[in-house]
C-alpha atoms as a PDB file:
ATOM      1  CA  MET A   1     -46.842  60.321  94.610  1.00  0.00           C
ATOM      2  CA  ILE A   2     -45.146  58.487  91.830  1.00  0.00           C
ATOM      3  CA  HIS A   3     -43.951  54.747  92.548  1.00  0.00           C
ATOM      4  CA  ARG A   4     -41.186  53.656  90.360  1.00  0.00           C
ATOM      5  CA  SER A   5     -41.458  50.279  91.864  1.00  0.00           C
ATOM      6  CA  ALA A   6     -44.456  48.139  93.513  1.00  0.00           C
ATOM      7  CA  PRO A   7     -44.576  48.707  97.158  1.00  0.00           C
ATOM      8  CA  GLU A   8     -44.860  45.639  99.221  1.00  0.00           C
ATOM      9  CA  ILE A   9     -48.325  44.856 100.605  1.00  0.00           C
ATOM     10  CA  ARG A  10     -48.980  42.160 103.288  1.00  0.00           C
ATOM     11  CA  THR A  11     -52.445  41.003 103.776  1.00  0.00           C
ATOM     12  CA  ASP A  12     -53.637  38.292 106.233  1.00  0.00           C
ATOM     13  CA  ARG A  13     -52.282  35.639 103.854  1.00  0.00           C
ATOM     14  CA  LEU A  14     -50.397  37.208 101.132  1.00  0.00           C
ATOM     15  CA  ARG A  15     -47.662  39.410 100.336  1.00  0.00           C
ATOM     16  CA  LEU A  16     -47.974  41.574  96.909  1.00  0.00           C
ATOM     17  CA  ARG A  17     -44.504  42.512  96.144  1.00  0.00           C
ATOM     18  CA  PRO A  18     -42.752  43.761  92.982  1.00  0.00           C
ATOM     19  CA  HIS A  19     -41.942  41.559  90.086  1.00  0.00           C
ATOM     20  CA  ARG A  20     -38.381  40.321  89.821  1.00  0.00           C
ATOM     21  CA  ARG A  21     -36.040  39.148  87.038  1.00  0.00           C
ATOM     22  CA  ASP A  22     -36.495  35.815  88.624  1.00  0.00           C
ATOM     23  CA  ASP A  23     -40.234  35.405  88.312  1.00  0.00           C
ATOM     24  CA  ALA A  24     -39.709  34.867  84.449  1.00  0.00           C
ATOM     25  CA  ALA A  25     -40.136  30.758  84.587  1.00  0.00           C
ATOM     26  CA  GLN A  26     -43.128  31.465  87.213  1.00  0.00           C
ATOM     27  CA  ILE A  27     -44.831  33.696  84.951  1.00  0.00           C
ATOM     28  CA  VAL A  28     -44.317  31.283  81.618  1.00  0.00           C
ATOM     29  CA  ALA A  29     -45.865  28.807  84.173  1.00  0.00           C
ATOM     30  CA  LEU A  30     -48.842  30.880  85.226  1.00  0.00           C
ATOM     31  CA  TRP A  31     -49.521  31.859  81.241  1.00  0.00           C
ATOM     32  CA  GLN A  32     -48.912  28.321  79.790  1.00  0.00           C
ATOM     33  CA  ASP A  33     -51.095  26.596  82.489  1.00  0.00           C
ATOM     34  CA  PRO A  34     -54.358  25.268  80.337  1.00  0.00           C
ATOM     35  CA  VAL A  35     -56.615  26.211  83.338  1.00  0.00           C
ATOM     36  CA  VAL A  36     -55.507  29.742  83.534  1.00  0.00           C
ATOM     37  CA  VAL A  37     -55.330  30.555  79.751  1.00  0.00           C
ATOM     38  CA  HIS A  38     -58.809  28.958  79.009  1.00  0.00           C
ATOM     39  CA  HIS A  39     -60.680  32.296  79.809  1.00  0.00           C
ATOM     40  CA  PHE A  40     -57.480  34.216  78.118  1.00  0.00           C
ATOM     41  CA  GLY A  41     -57.788  33.437  74.563  1.00  0.00           C
ATOM     42  CA  GLY A  42     -57.446  29.584  75.122  1.00  0.00           C
ATOM     43  CA  GLN A  43     -53.630  28.935  73.851  1.00  0.00           C
ATOM     44  CA  PRO A  44     -50.486  29.072  75.962  1.00  0.00           C
ATOM     45  CA  VAL A  45     -48.534  32.093  75.943  1.00  0.00           C
ATOM     46  CA  ALA A  46     -44.920  31.690  74.489  1.00  0.00           C
ATOM     47  CA  ALA A  47     -42.057  32.041  76.937  1.00  0.00           C
ATOM     48  CA  GLU A  48     -40.796  35.147  74.722  1.00  0.00           C
ATOM     49  CA  ASP A  49     -44.235  36.868  75.172  1.00  0.00           C
ATOM     50  CA  CYS A  50     -44.165  36.142  78.788  1.00  0.00           C
ATOM     51  CA  TRP A  51     -40.591  37.697  79.210  1.00  0.00           C
ATOM     52  CA  ASN A  52     -42.233  40.579  77.604  1.00  0.00           C
ATOM     53  CA  ARG A  53     -44.972  40.691  80.000  1.00  0.00           C
ATOM     54  CA  LEU A  54     -42.573  40.701  82.867  1.00  0.00           C
ATOM     55  CA  LEU A  55     -40.979  43.739  81.526  1.00  0.00           C
ATOM     56  CA  ARG A  56     -44.271  45.503  80.866  1.00  0.00           C
ATOM     57  CA  TYR A  57     -45.135  44.950  84.646  1.00  0.00           C
ATOM     58  CA  VAL A  58     -41.926  46.453  85.836  1.00  0.00           C
ATOM     59  CA  GLY A  59     -42.177  49.168  83.217  1.00  0.00           C
ATOM     60  CA  HIS A  60     -45.726  50.123  84.212  1.00  0.00           C
ATOM     61  CA  TRP A  61     -44.731  51.053  87.382  1.00  0.00           C
ATOM     62  CA  ALA A  62     -41.875  53.251  86.273  1.00  0.00           C
ATOM     63  CA  VAL A  63     -44.075  55.116  83.720  1.00  0.00           C
ATOM     64  CA  ASN A  64     -47.399  55.335  85.459  1.00  0.00           C
ATOM     65  CA  GLY A  65     -46.616  54.742  89.177  1.00  0.00           C
ATOM     66  CA  TYR A  66     -48.714  51.764  89.781  1.00  0.00           C
ATOM     67  CA  GLY A  67     -49.285  48.317  87.951  1.00  0.00           C
ATOM     68  CA  LEU A  68     -49.313  44.761  88.980  1.00  0.00           C
ATOM     69  CA  TRP A  69     -47.687  43.085  91.940  1.00  0.00           C
ATOM     70  CA  ALA A  70     -46.669  39.353  92.366  1.00  0.00           C
ATOM     71  CA  ILE A  71     -48.687  37.489  94.867  1.00  0.00           C
ATOM     72  CA  GLU A  72     -46.892  34.705  97.312  1.00  0.00           C
ATOM     73  CA  GLU A  73     -48.302  32.904 100.031  1.00  0.00           C
ATOM     74  CA  LEU A  74     -47.236  34.499 103.303  1.00  0.00           C
ATOM     75  CA  GLU A  75     -47.038  30.689 104.934  1.00  0.00           C
ATOM     76  CA  SER A  76     -45.390  29.023 101.927  1.00  0.00           C
ATOM     77  CA  GLY A  77     -43.689  31.854  99.783  1.00  0.00           C
ATOM     78  CA  ARG A  78     -45.152  30.337  96.843  1.00  0.00           C
ATOM     79  CA  PHE A  79     -45.566  32.412  93.814  1.00  0.00           C
ATOM     80  CA  ILE A  80     -49.325  32.035  93.087  1.00  0.00           C
ATOM     81  CA  GLY A  81     -49.982  34.977  90.496  1.00  0.00           C
ATOM     82  CA  ASP A  82     -50.404  38.559  89.599  1.00  0.00           C
ATOM     83  CA  VAL A  83     -52.616  41.134  90.478  1.00  0.00           C
ATOM     84  CA  GLY A  84     -53.013  44.842  90.639  1.00  0.00           C
ATOM     85  CA  LEU A  85     -54.033  47.824  88.340  1.00  0.00           C
ATOM     86  CA  PHE A  86     -52.901  48.817  85.061  1.00  0.00           C
ATOM     87  CA  GLU A  87     -53.470  51.100  81.937  1.00  0.00           C
ATOM     88  CA  GLY A  88     -54.496  48.866  79.093  1.00  0.00           C
ATOM     89  CA  ARG A  89     -55.297  51.156  76.315  1.00  0.00           C
ATOM     90  CA  ARG A  90     -57.697  48.738  74.906  1.00  0.00           C
ATOM     91  CA  GLY A  91     -59.594  50.708  72.545  1.00  0.00           C
ATOM     92  CA  LEU A  92     -62.925  49.737  74.284  1.00  0.00           C
ATOM     93  CA  GLY A  93     -64.364  53.255  74.404  1.00  0.00           C
ATOM     94  CA  GLU A  94     -63.664  56.308  76.539  1.00  0.00           C
ATOM     95  CA  ARG A  95     -65.747  55.085  79.534  1.00  0.00           C
ATOM     96  CA  PHE A  96     -63.375  52.011  79.476  1.00  0.00           C
ATOM     97  CA  ASP A  97     -59.987  53.253  78.396  1.00  0.00           C
ATOM     98  CA  THR A  98     -60.010  56.222  80.816  1.00  0.00           C
ATOM     99  CA  ALA A  99     -59.969  54.430  84.166  1.00  0.00           C
ATOM    100  CA  PRO A 100     -57.327  52.086  85.607  1.00  0.00           C
ATOM    101  CA  GLU A 101     -58.146  48.490  84.497  1.00  0.00           C
ATOM    102  CA  ALA A 102     -58.023  46.119  87.651  1.00  0.00           C
ATOM    103  CA  GLY A 103     -56.444  42.659  86.720  1.00  0.00           C
ATOM    104  CA  TRP A 104     -56.027  39.520  88.715  1.00  0.00           C
ATOM    105  CA  VAL A 105     -54.738  35.953  87.324  1.00  0.00           C
ATOM    106  CA  LEU A 106     -53.878  32.982  89.808  1.00  0.00           C
ATOM    107  CA  LEU A 107     -52.199  29.616  89.219  1.00  0.00           C
ATOM    108  CA  PRO A 108     -54.767  26.759  89.827  1.00  0.00           C
ATOM    109  CA  ILE A 109     -53.244  26.200  93.384  1.00  0.00           C
ATOM    110  CA  GLY A 110     -54.519  29.665  94.336  1.00  0.00           C
ATOM    111  CA  HIS A 111     -58.109  29.005  93.048  1.00  0.00           C
ATOM    112  CA  GLY A 112     -60.991  28.859  95.505  1.00  0.00           C
ATOM    113  CA  LYS A 113     -59.316  30.470  98.511  1.00  0.00           C
ATOM    114  CA  GLY A 114     -60.394  34.183  98.109  1.00  0.00           C
ATOM    115  CA  TYR A 115     -56.992  35.068  97.457  1.00  0.00           C
ATOM    116  CA  ALA A 116     -58.003  36.987  94.174  1.00  0.00           C
ATOM    117  CA  ARG A 117     -60.707  38.962  96.317  1.00  0.00           C
ATOM    118  CA  GLU A 118     -57.850  39.533  99.299  1.00  0.00           C
ATOM    119  CA  ALA A 119     -55.018  40.719  96.988  1.00  0.00           C
ATOM    120  CA  MET A 120     -57.319  42.678  94.872  1.00  0.00           C
ATOM    121  CA  ASN A 121     -58.873  44.595  97.894  1.00  0.00           C
ATOM    122  CA  ALA A 122     -55.364  45.302  99.079  1.00  0.00           C
ATOM    123  CA  ALA A 123     -54.607  46.696  95.570  1.00  0.00           C
ATOM    124  CA  LEU A 124     -57.520  48.674  95.307  1.00  0.00           C
ATOM    125  CA  ARG A 125     -57.281  50.088  98.909  1.00  0.00           C
ATOM    126  CA  TRP A 126     -53.437  51.123  97.841  1.00  0.00           C
ATOM    127  CA  GLY A 127     -54.582  52.643  94.470  1.00  0.00           C
ATOM    128  CA  GLU A 128     -57.730  54.674  95.487  1.00  0.00           C
ATOM    129  CA  SER A 129     -55.476  55.883  98.475  1.00  0.00           C
ATOM    130  CA  GLU A 130     -52.507  56.970  96.676  1.00  0.00           C
ATOM    131  CA  HIS A 131     -54.054  57.966  93.207  1.00  0.00           C
ATOM    132  CA  ARG A 132     -57.521  58.865  94.358  1.00  0.00           C
ATOM    133  CA  TRP A 133     -59.162  57.328  91.403  1.00  0.00           C
ATOM    134  CA  PRO A 134     -63.001  58.215  91.187  1.00  0.00           C
ATOM    135  CA  ARG A 135     -63.465  54.655  89.480  1.00  0.00           C
ATOM    136  CA  THR A 136     -61.482  51.629  88.069  1.00  0.00           C
ATOM    137  CA  VAL A 137     -62.590  48.911  85.495  1.00  0.00           C
ATOM    138  CA  CYS A 138     -62.241  45.423  84.420  1.00  0.00           C
ATOM    139  CA  MET A 139     -62.978  43.021  81.725  1.00  0.00           C
ATOM    140  CA  ILE A 140     -63.909  39.343  81.940  1.00  0.00           C
ATOM    141  CA  ASP A 141     -64.805  36.454  79.709  1.00  0.00           C
ATOM    142  CA  PRO A 142     -68.583  35.789  80.616  1.00  0.00           C
ATOM    143  CA  GLU A 143     -67.903  32.171  80.966  1.00  0.00           C
ATOM    144  CA  ASN A 144     -65.236  32.824  83.745  1.00  0.00           C
ATOM    145  CA  LEU A 145     -68.078  32.858  86.845  1.00  0.00           C
ATOM    146  CA  ALA A 146     -65.526  32.826  89.685  1.00  0.00           C
ATOM    147  CA  SER A 147     -63.880  35.959  88.257  1.00  0.00           C
ATOM    148  CA  ILE A 148     -67.320  37.452  87.929  1.00  0.00           C
ATOM    149  CA  ARG A 149     -68.119  36.556  91.347  1.00  0.00           C
ATOM    150  CA  THR A 150     -64.649  38.208  92.507  1.00  0.00           C
ATOM    151  CA  ALA A 151     -65.543  41.242  90.754  1.00  0.00           C
ATOM    152  CA  GLU A 152     -68.945  41.555  92.305  1.00  0.00           C
ATOM    153  CA  ALA A 153     -67.842  40.925  95.638  1.00  0.00           C
ATOM    154  CA  LEU A 154     -65.146  43.736  94.778  1.00  0.00           C
ATOM    155  CA  GLY A 155     -67.694  45.983  93.718  1.00  0.00           C
ATOM    156  CA  TYR A 156     -67.519  46.074  90.355  1.00  0.00           C
ATOM    157  CA  ALA A 157     -70.840  46.008  88.295  1.00  0.00           C
ATOM    158  CA  GLU A 158     -71.331  44.975  84.464  1.00  0.00           C
ATOM    159  CA  TYR A 159     -72.157  48.182  82.306  1.00  0.00           C
ATOM    160  CA  GLU A 160     -71.708  46.565  78.845  1.00  0.00           C
ATOM    161  CA  ARG A 161     -70.457  43.538  76.988  1.00  0.00           C
ATOM    162  CA  ARG A 162     -67.948  44.322  74.017  1.00  0.00           C
ATOM    163  CA  ASP A 163     -65.919  42.291  71.269  1.00  0.00           C
ATOM    164  CA  HIS A 164     -62.088  42.267  72.015  1.00  0.00           C
ATOM    165  CA  ARG A 165     -59.776  40.423  69.904  1.00  0.00           C
ATOM    166  CA  GLY A 166     -63.047  38.075  68.424  1.00  0.00           C
ATOM    167  CA  LYS A 167     -64.478  37.240  71.966  1.00  0.00           C
ATOM    168  CA  GLU A 168     -67.377  38.756  73.695  1.00  0.00           C
ATOM    169  CA  LEU A 169     -66.395  40.014  76.740  1.00  0.00           C
ATOM    170  CA  VAL A 170     -68.058  41.763  80.061  1.00  0.00           C
ATOM    171  CA  LEU A 171     -66.832  45.223  81.117  1.00  0.00           C
ATOM    172  CA  LEU A 172     -67.464  46.326  84.582  1.00  0.00           C
ATOM    173  CA  GLU A 173     -66.786  49.421  86.675  1.00  0.00           C
ATOM    174  CA  ARG A 174     -66.319  50.122  90.132  1.00  0.00           C
ATOM    175  CA  PRO A 175     -66.735  53.528  91.586  1.00  0.00           C
ATOM    176  CA  LYS A 176     -64.622  54.579  94.358  1.00  0.00           C
ATOM    177  CA  PRO A 177     -66.510  53.664  97.555  1.00  0.00           C
END
């Protein structure tokens, strides 16, 4: 089944929902936060590029039937980041580029609470059920130990390190359980 928009998913503490036009300011805040961008090139993302990112999030669902969700805390309704699976076409080789790529990025208010793992577990269950992917991949800055621990807890294992845009990154994969 091809989904043209992200379905809503609830976990014990979170709501994964489709991105909306009014998320633009929150996406700018996310991608201009110095703690967030530290492991993503180190520079804040321009507001124009954040807008294009939002459009890409929405378009990914329309084209591929999967993508990223906006994450909100159930208790507060507060936006805390983005999570999901996407097609990155990064040119990192067939082993990486032929599988859906998992990604998660949270504002510092969501760090250290297990939110990334909780949200990604829900996204992976949905993706594996709906699309029956044999495996998924992700790439992480080797200095981002918290994200590497999250990936390992989700079942990802390192298989290679590759240069991407001038930075060595850890490539990981997760076979379908």
